[in-house]
N, C-alpha and C. Protein backbone atom coordinates (compact mmCIF):
# COMPACT_ATOMS: atom_id res chain seq x y z
N MET A 1 -53.54 -24.90 7.30
CA MET A 1 -53.26 -23.77 6.45
C MET A 1 -52.42 -22.73 7.20
N LEU A 2 -52.80 -22.43 8.42
CA LEU A 2 -52.07 -21.46 9.22
C LEU A 2 -50.67 -21.97 9.55
N ARG A 3 -50.57 -23.28 9.80
CA ARG A 3 -49.29 -23.89 10.11
C ARG A 3 -48.34 -23.78 8.90
N THR A 4 -48.83 -23.99 7.71
CA THR A 4 -48.02 -23.89 6.49
C THR A 4 -47.54 -22.46 6.29
N TYR A 5 -48.42 -21.50 6.51
CA TYR A 5 -48.05 -20.10 6.37
C TYR A 5 -46.96 -19.72 7.37
N TYR A 6 -47.10 -20.20 8.61
CA TYR A 6 -46.12 -19.91 9.65
C TYR A 6 -44.76 -20.52 9.31
N ALA A 7 -44.76 -21.74 8.80
CA ALA A 7 -43.51 -22.41 8.41
C ALA A 7 -42.83 -21.66 7.26
N LEU A 8 -43.60 -21.22 6.27
CA LEU A 8 -43.02 -20.47 5.16
C LEU A 8 -42.48 -19.12 5.64
N SER A 9 -43.18 -18.51 6.59
CA SER A 9 -42.76 -17.23 7.13
C SER A 9 -41.42 -17.36 7.86
N LEU A 10 -41.24 -18.44 8.63
CA LEU A 10 -39.98 -18.66 9.34
C LEU A 10 -38.83 -18.89 8.36
N LYS A 11 -39.07 -19.65 7.29
CA LYS A 11 -38.03 -19.89 6.29
C LYS A 11 -37.64 -18.59 5.60
N ALA A 12 -38.61 -17.74 5.32
CA ALA A 12 -38.32 -16.47 4.67
C ALA A 12 -37.47 -15.58 5.59
N ASN A 13 -37.79 -15.57 6.90
CA ASN A 13 -37.02 -14.77 7.85
C ASN A 13 -35.59 -15.29 7.98
N LYS A 14 -35.43 -16.62 7.98
CA LYS A 14 -34.09 -17.20 8.09
C LYS A 14 -33.25 -16.87 6.87
N LEU A 15 -33.86 -16.77 5.71
CA LEU A 15 -33.13 -16.44 4.49
C LEU A 15 -32.88 -14.94 4.36
N SER A 16 -33.77 -14.13 4.90
CA SER A 16 -33.64 -12.69 4.69
C SER A 16 -32.43 -12.09 5.41
N ILE A 17 -32.06 -12.60 6.56
CA ILE A 17 -30.92 -12.05 7.30
C ILE A 17 -29.61 -12.29 6.54
N PRO A 18 -29.29 -13.52 6.10
CA PRO A 18 -28.05 -13.68 5.32
C PRO A 18 -28.07 -12.92 4.00
N LEU A 19 -29.22 -12.85 3.34
CA LEU A 19 -29.30 -12.12 2.09
C LEU A 19 -29.07 -10.63 2.31
N LEU A 20 -29.62 -10.10 3.38
CA LEU A 20 -29.41 -8.69 3.71
C LEU A 20 -27.93 -8.43 4.01
N PHE A 21 -27.31 -9.33 4.76
CA PHE A 21 -25.88 -9.19 5.06
C PHE A 21 -25.04 -9.21 3.79
N LEU A 22 -25.32 -10.14 2.88
CA LEU A 22 -24.58 -10.22 1.62
C LEU A 22 -24.78 -8.96 0.78
N PHE A 23 -25.98 -8.44 0.77
CA PHE A 23 -26.27 -7.23 0.00
C PHE A 23 -25.48 -6.04 0.55
N ILE A 24 -25.47 -5.89 1.87
CA ILE A 24 -24.78 -4.76 2.49
C ILE A 24 -23.28 -4.85 2.26
N THR A 25 -22.69 -6.04 2.45
CA THR A 25 -21.25 -6.17 2.27
C THR A 25 -20.85 -6.00 0.81
N SER A 26 -21.65 -6.50 -0.12
CA SER A 26 -21.29 -6.32 -1.53
C SER A 26 -21.41 -4.85 -1.93
N PHE A 27 -22.35 -4.14 -1.36
CA PHE A 27 -22.49 -2.72 -1.65
C PHE A 27 -21.29 -1.94 -1.11
N SER A 28 -20.84 -2.29 0.10
CA SER A 28 -19.70 -1.57 0.68
C SER A 28 -18.41 -1.87 -0.07
N PHE A 29 -18.22 -3.10 -0.57
CA PHE A 29 -17.03 -3.40 -1.36
C PHE A 29 -17.07 -2.67 -2.69
N GLY A 30 -18.23 -2.45 -3.23
CA GLY A 30 -18.35 -1.74 -4.49
C GLY A 30 -17.98 -0.27 -4.35
N GLN A 31 -18.00 0.25 -3.13
CA GLN A 31 -17.68 1.65 -2.89
C GLN A 31 -16.19 1.89 -2.71
N ALA A 32 -15.42 0.85 -2.47
CA ALA A 32 -13.99 1.01 -2.20
C ALA A 32 -13.24 1.44 -3.45
N ALA A 33 -12.22 2.25 -3.24
CA ALA A 33 -11.40 2.73 -4.35
C ALA A 33 -10.11 1.92 -4.43
N ARG A 34 -9.39 2.08 -5.55
CA ARG A 34 -8.16 1.33 -5.79
C ARG A 34 -7.13 2.25 -6.44
N ILE A 35 -5.87 2.11 -6.01
CA ILE A 35 -4.76 2.85 -6.60
C ILE A 35 -3.71 1.83 -7.03
N SER A 36 -3.17 2.02 -8.22
CA SER A 36 -2.10 1.14 -8.69
C SER A 36 -1.15 1.94 -9.56
N GLY A 37 0.01 1.37 -9.84
CA GLY A 37 0.97 2.04 -10.70
C GLY A 37 2.33 1.39 -10.66
N ILE A 38 3.30 2.05 -11.30
CA ILE A 38 4.67 1.55 -11.38
C ILE A 38 5.61 2.65 -10.87
N ILE A 39 6.59 2.25 -10.07
CA ILE A 39 7.57 3.18 -9.53
C ILE A 39 8.89 2.99 -10.30
N THR A 40 9.42 4.10 -10.83
CA THR A 40 10.66 4.03 -11.61
C THR A 40 11.68 5.06 -11.14
N ASN A 41 12.91 4.89 -11.61
CA ASN A 41 13.98 5.85 -11.39
C ASN A 41 13.83 6.94 -12.45
N ALA A 42 13.75 8.19 -12.05
CA ALA A 42 13.51 9.29 -13.00
C ALA A 42 14.66 9.46 -13.98
N GLU A 43 15.88 9.14 -13.57
CA GLU A 43 17.03 9.34 -14.44
C GLU A 43 17.23 8.22 -15.45
N THR A 44 17.04 6.97 -15.00
CA THR A 44 17.33 5.83 -15.87
C THR A 44 16.08 5.17 -16.44
N GLY A 45 14.94 5.39 -15.80
CA GLY A 45 13.71 4.75 -16.24
C GLY A 45 13.55 3.32 -15.75
N GLU A 46 14.53 2.82 -15.00
CA GLU A 46 14.45 1.46 -14.47
C GLU A 46 13.41 1.40 -13.35
N THR A 47 12.75 0.25 -13.24
CA THR A 47 11.78 0.08 -12.16
C THR A 47 12.51 -0.10 -10.84
N LEU A 48 11.89 0.35 -9.77
CA LEU A 48 12.48 0.25 -8.44
C LEU A 48 11.81 -0.89 -7.68
N ILE A 49 12.56 -1.93 -7.43
CA ILE A 49 12.06 -3.11 -6.73
C ILE A 49 12.13 -2.86 -5.23
N GLY A 50 11.02 -3.06 -4.53
CA GLY A 50 10.99 -2.91 -3.08
C GLY A 50 10.77 -1.49 -2.59
N ALA A 51 10.33 -0.59 -3.45
CA ALA A 51 10.00 0.77 -3.00
C ALA A 51 8.78 0.72 -2.09
N ASN A 52 8.75 1.55 -1.08
CA ASN A 52 7.63 1.59 -0.13
C ASN A 52 6.54 2.51 -0.65
N VAL A 53 5.32 1.98 -0.74
CA VAL A 53 4.16 2.76 -1.18
C VAL A 53 3.09 2.59 -0.12
N TYR A 54 2.63 3.70 0.47
CA TYR A 54 1.63 3.58 1.53
C TYR A 54 0.76 4.83 1.61
N ILE A 55 -0.35 4.67 2.33
CA ILE A 55 -1.27 5.77 2.62
C ILE A 55 -0.92 6.30 4.01
N ARG A 56 -0.56 7.58 4.10
CA ARG A 56 -0.09 8.14 5.36
C ARG A 56 -1.14 8.03 6.47
N GLU A 57 -2.39 8.32 6.18
CA GLU A 57 -3.43 8.37 7.22
C GLU A 57 -3.75 7.00 7.81
N THR A 58 -3.67 5.95 7.03
CA THR A 58 -4.06 4.62 7.51
C THR A 58 -2.88 3.68 7.72
N GLY A 59 -1.75 3.97 7.10
CA GLY A 59 -0.60 3.07 7.19
C GLY A 59 -0.69 1.89 6.24
N GLN A 60 -1.77 1.80 5.49
CA GLN A 60 -1.94 0.70 4.54
C GLN A 60 -0.94 0.87 3.41
N GLY A 61 -0.21 -0.18 3.08
CA GLY A 61 0.77 -0.05 2.02
C GLY A 61 1.41 -1.36 1.64
N MET A 62 2.42 -1.27 0.79
CA MET A 62 3.13 -2.45 0.32
C MET A 62 4.46 -2.03 -0.29
N ALA A 63 5.28 -3.03 -0.60
CA ALA A 63 6.52 -2.80 -1.34
C ALA A 63 6.28 -3.20 -2.79
N THR A 64 6.91 -2.50 -3.71
CA THR A 64 6.71 -2.81 -5.13
C THR A 64 7.32 -4.18 -5.46
N ASP A 65 6.77 -4.83 -6.49
CA ASP A 65 7.24 -6.16 -6.88
C ASP A 65 8.44 -6.06 -7.82
N LEU A 66 8.78 -7.17 -8.47
CA LEU A 66 9.94 -7.22 -9.36
C LEU A 66 9.82 -6.30 -10.57
N ASN A 67 8.61 -5.90 -10.91
CA ASN A 67 8.37 -5.00 -12.03
C ASN A 67 8.12 -3.56 -11.59
N GLY A 68 8.32 -3.28 -10.30
CA GLY A 68 8.07 -1.94 -9.77
C GLY A 68 6.59 -1.64 -9.60
N TYR A 69 5.73 -2.67 -9.67
CA TYR A 69 4.27 -2.49 -9.63
C TYR A 69 3.75 -2.54 -8.19
N TYR A 70 2.75 -1.73 -7.92
CA TYR A 70 2.06 -1.75 -6.63
C TYR A 70 0.56 -1.63 -6.86
N VAL A 71 -0.22 -2.10 -5.90
CA VAL A 71 -1.67 -1.92 -5.93
C VAL A 71 -2.17 -1.84 -4.49
N LEU A 72 -2.98 -0.83 -4.22
CA LEU A 72 -3.60 -0.65 -2.91
C LEU A 72 -5.11 -0.73 -3.10
N ASP A 73 -5.73 -1.77 -2.54
CA ASP A 73 -7.16 -2.02 -2.69
C ASP A 73 -7.93 -1.61 -1.45
N ASN A 74 -9.25 -1.57 -1.59
CA ASN A 74 -10.19 -1.33 -0.49
C ASN A 74 -9.86 -0.06 0.29
N LEU A 75 -9.59 0.99 -0.43
CA LEU A 75 -9.33 2.28 0.21
C LEU A 75 -10.65 2.99 0.47
N GLY A 76 -10.74 3.67 1.58
CA GLY A 76 -11.95 4.42 1.89
C GLY A 76 -12.11 5.61 0.97
N LEU A 77 -13.15 6.37 1.19
CA LEU A 77 -13.48 7.47 0.28
C LEU A 77 -12.98 8.83 0.73
N GLU A 78 -12.47 8.93 1.95
CA GLU A 78 -12.00 10.23 2.42
C GLU A 78 -10.69 10.59 1.74
N SER A 79 -10.27 11.84 1.88
CA SER A 79 -9.02 12.28 1.24
C SER A 79 -7.84 11.59 1.92
N LYS A 80 -6.83 11.31 1.11
CA LYS A 80 -5.67 10.57 1.59
C LYS A 80 -4.40 11.16 0.99
N THR A 81 -3.26 10.77 1.56
CA THR A 81 -1.96 11.17 1.02
C THR A 81 -1.19 9.92 0.64
N LEU A 82 -0.85 9.81 -0.64
CA LEU A 82 -0.04 8.69 -1.12
C LEU A 82 1.43 9.06 -0.93
N VAL A 83 2.19 8.15 -0.30
CA VAL A 83 3.61 8.39 -0.04
C VAL A 83 4.41 7.26 -0.68
N VAL A 84 5.46 7.64 -1.44
CA VAL A 84 6.36 6.66 -2.05
C VAL A 84 7.77 7.01 -1.60
N SER A 85 8.49 6.01 -1.06
CA SER A 85 9.86 6.27 -0.61
C SER A 85 10.76 5.09 -0.96
N PHE A 86 12.03 5.41 -1.16
CA PHE A 86 13.04 4.40 -1.48
C PHE A 86 14.39 4.97 -1.09
N LEU A 87 15.24 4.17 -0.48
CA LEU A 87 16.53 4.64 0.00
C LEU A 87 17.36 5.21 -1.14
N GLY A 88 17.86 6.42 -0.96
CA GLY A 88 18.67 7.08 -1.97
C GLY A 88 17.86 7.93 -2.94
N PHE A 89 16.54 8.03 -2.70
CA PHE A 89 15.66 8.81 -3.58
C PHE A 89 14.83 9.77 -2.75
N GLU A 90 14.41 10.89 -3.36
CA GLU A 90 13.54 11.84 -2.68
C GLU A 90 12.17 11.22 -2.46
N GLN A 91 11.58 11.51 -1.30
CA GLN A 91 10.25 10.99 -0.99
C GLN A 91 9.20 11.72 -1.83
N TYR A 92 8.22 10.97 -2.34
CA TYR A 92 7.15 11.53 -3.18
C TYR A 92 5.86 11.50 -2.37
N GLU A 93 5.11 12.59 -2.40
CA GLU A 93 3.81 12.66 -1.73
C GLU A 93 2.79 13.28 -2.66
N LYS A 94 1.58 12.74 -2.63
CA LYS A 94 0.50 13.29 -3.46
C LYS A 94 -0.82 13.18 -2.70
N ALA A 95 -1.55 14.30 -2.61
CA ALA A 95 -2.86 14.31 -1.97
C ALA A 95 -3.88 13.73 -2.95
N LEU A 96 -4.75 12.85 -2.44
CA LEU A 96 -5.75 12.19 -3.27
C LEU A 96 -7.14 12.42 -2.71
N LEU A 97 -8.11 12.54 -3.59
CA LEU A 97 -9.51 12.54 -3.21
C LEU A 97 -10.17 11.45 -4.04
N LEU A 98 -10.51 10.36 -3.38
CA LEU A 98 -11.02 9.18 -4.08
C LEU A 98 -12.54 9.18 -4.11
N GLU A 99 -13.09 8.74 -5.22
CA GLU A 99 -14.54 8.64 -5.38
C GLU A 99 -14.95 7.17 -5.31
N PRO A 100 -16.22 6.89 -5.02
CA PRO A 100 -16.68 5.51 -4.89
C PRO A 100 -16.40 4.68 -6.14
N GLY A 101 -15.79 3.52 -5.93
CA GLY A 101 -15.53 2.59 -7.02
C GLY A 101 -14.47 3.05 -8.00
N GLN A 102 -13.80 4.15 -7.70
CA GLN A 102 -12.80 4.71 -8.62
C GLN A 102 -11.51 3.90 -8.57
N SER A 103 -10.88 3.74 -9.72
CA SER A 103 -9.58 3.08 -9.82
C SER A 103 -8.62 4.06 -10.49
N GLN A 104 -7.57 4.45 -9.77
CA GLN A 104 -6.60 5.40 -10.30
C GLN A 104 -5.27 4.71 -10.57
N LYS A 105 -4.65 5.06 -11.69
CA LYS A 105 -3.30 4.56 -12.01
C LYS A 105 -2.35 5.73 -11.82
N ILE A 106 -1.45 5.60 -10.85
CA ILE A 106 -0.50 6.66 -10.54
C ILE A 106 0.91 6.10 -10.66
N ASP A 107 1.59 6.44 -11.75
CA ASP A 107 2.98 6.05 -11.95
C ASP A 107 3.86 7.16 -11.38
N VAL A 108 4.92 6.76 -10.69
CA VAL A 108 5.79 7.74 -10.03
C VAL A 108 7.24 7.51 -10.47
N ALA A 109 7.91 8.59 -10.87
CA ALA A 109 9.34 8.56 -11.19
C ALA A 109 10.08 9.29 -10.08
N LEU A 110 10.82 8.54 -9.26
CA LEU A 110 11.53 9.13 -8.13
C LEU A 110 12.88 9.70 -8.57
N LYS A 111 13.21 10.87 -8.01
CA LYS A 111 14.48 11.53 -8.30
C LYS A 111 15.51 11.10 -7.26
N THR A 112 16.76 10.93 -7.70
CA THR A 112 17.81 10.53 -6.76
C THR A 112 18.09 11.67 -5.79
N GLU A 113 18.53 11.30 -4.60
CA GLU A 113 18.82 12.27 -3.55
C GLU A 113 20.24 12.03 -3.05
N ILE A 114 21.01 13.08 -2.99
CA ILE A 114 22.38 12.96 -2.49
C ILE A 114 22.33 13.04 -0.97
N ILE A 115 22.88 12.03 -0.35
CA ILE A 115 22.90 11.99 1.11
C ILE A 115 24.31 12.33 1.57
N GLU A 116 24.44 13.44 2.28
CA GLU A 116 25.75 13.87 2.78
C GLU A 116 25.88 13.48 4.24
N MET A 117 27.09 13.04 4.56
CA MET A 117 27.37 12.65 5.94
C MET A 117 28.53 13.48 6.47
N ASP A 118 28.67 13.51 7.78
CA ASP A 118 29.82 14.17 8.39
C ASP A 118 31.08 13.38 8.07
N GLU A 119 32.20 14.06 8.21
CA GLU A 119 33.48 13.42 7.95
C GLU A 119 33.73 12.30 8.95
N ILE A 120 34.27 11.21 8.46
CA ILE A 120 34.58 10.07 9.32
C ILE A 120 36.09 9.85 9.28
N ASP A 121 36.71 9.73 10.43
CA ASP A 121 38.15 9.50 10.52
C ASP A 121 38.37 8.05 10.94
N VAL A 122 39.02 7.30 10.09
CA VAL A 122 39.31 5.90 10.38
C VAL A 122 40.81 5.78 10.61
N SER A 123 41.19 5.24 11.74
CA SER A 123 42.61 5.05 12.03
C SER A 123 42.81 3.68 12.66
N ALA A 124 44.02 3.16 12.49
CA ALA A 124 44.34 1.85 13.05
C ALA A 124 45.83 1.79 13.33
N GLU A 125 46.19 0.90 14.20
CA GLU A 125 47.60 0.66 14.50
C GLU A 125 47.91 -0.79 14.18
N LYS A 126 49.15 -0.99 13.82
CA LYS A 126 49.58 -2.34 13.50
C LYS A 126 49.66 -3.14 14.80
N ALA A 127 49.11 -4.31 14.77
CA ALA A 127 49.17 -5.16 15.95
C ALA A 127 50.57 -5.74 16.09
N THR A 128 51.04 -5.82 17.30
CA THR A 128 52.36 -6.41 17.54
C THR A 128 52.20 -7.85 17.98
N ARG A 129 53.13 -8.66 17.51
CA ARG A 129 53.11 -10.08 17.91
C ARG A 129 54.17 -10.30 18.98
N GLN A 130 53.81 -11.06 19.95
CA GLN A 130 54.77 -11.41 20.99
C GLN A 130 55.01 -12.90 20.93
N PHE A 131 56.27 -13.26 20.94
CA PHE A 131 56.64 -14.67 20.91
C PHE A 131 57.32 -15.02 22.23
N ASN A 132 56.94 -16.10 22.80
CA ASN A 132 57.59 -16.60 24.01
C ASN A 132 58.63 -17.64 23.59
N ILE A 133 59.87 -17.32 23.81
CA ILE A 133 60.93 -18.26 23.41
C ILE A 133 61.60 -18.81 24.63
């Protein structure tokens, strides 16, 4: 009788550790927040393919897909700054305060930015050909 009780007790202990681990990890994944949205050109409304979307504090990010869509999963709960950038457009920044399990849809319309450069002087000389006769 005592031997049977001891054997059942060992089996229960062996099962309790993996079950506890699964419970803790599933609880922590349930707390993660998610941000998604579409990045477009403010003037034309066209989606921007390959725009950079990232969280400044962690560096977690991605480039938008063919539809201008992005999604950032498993974000922590502390405050963060969402940054969206694309060559030829003004950088967009937004401070976020995420709550447990929250999913936010943030669509961004980027404004074009005029990039001015210094004057460039291009000059060339005609090459001369030499013939040996």
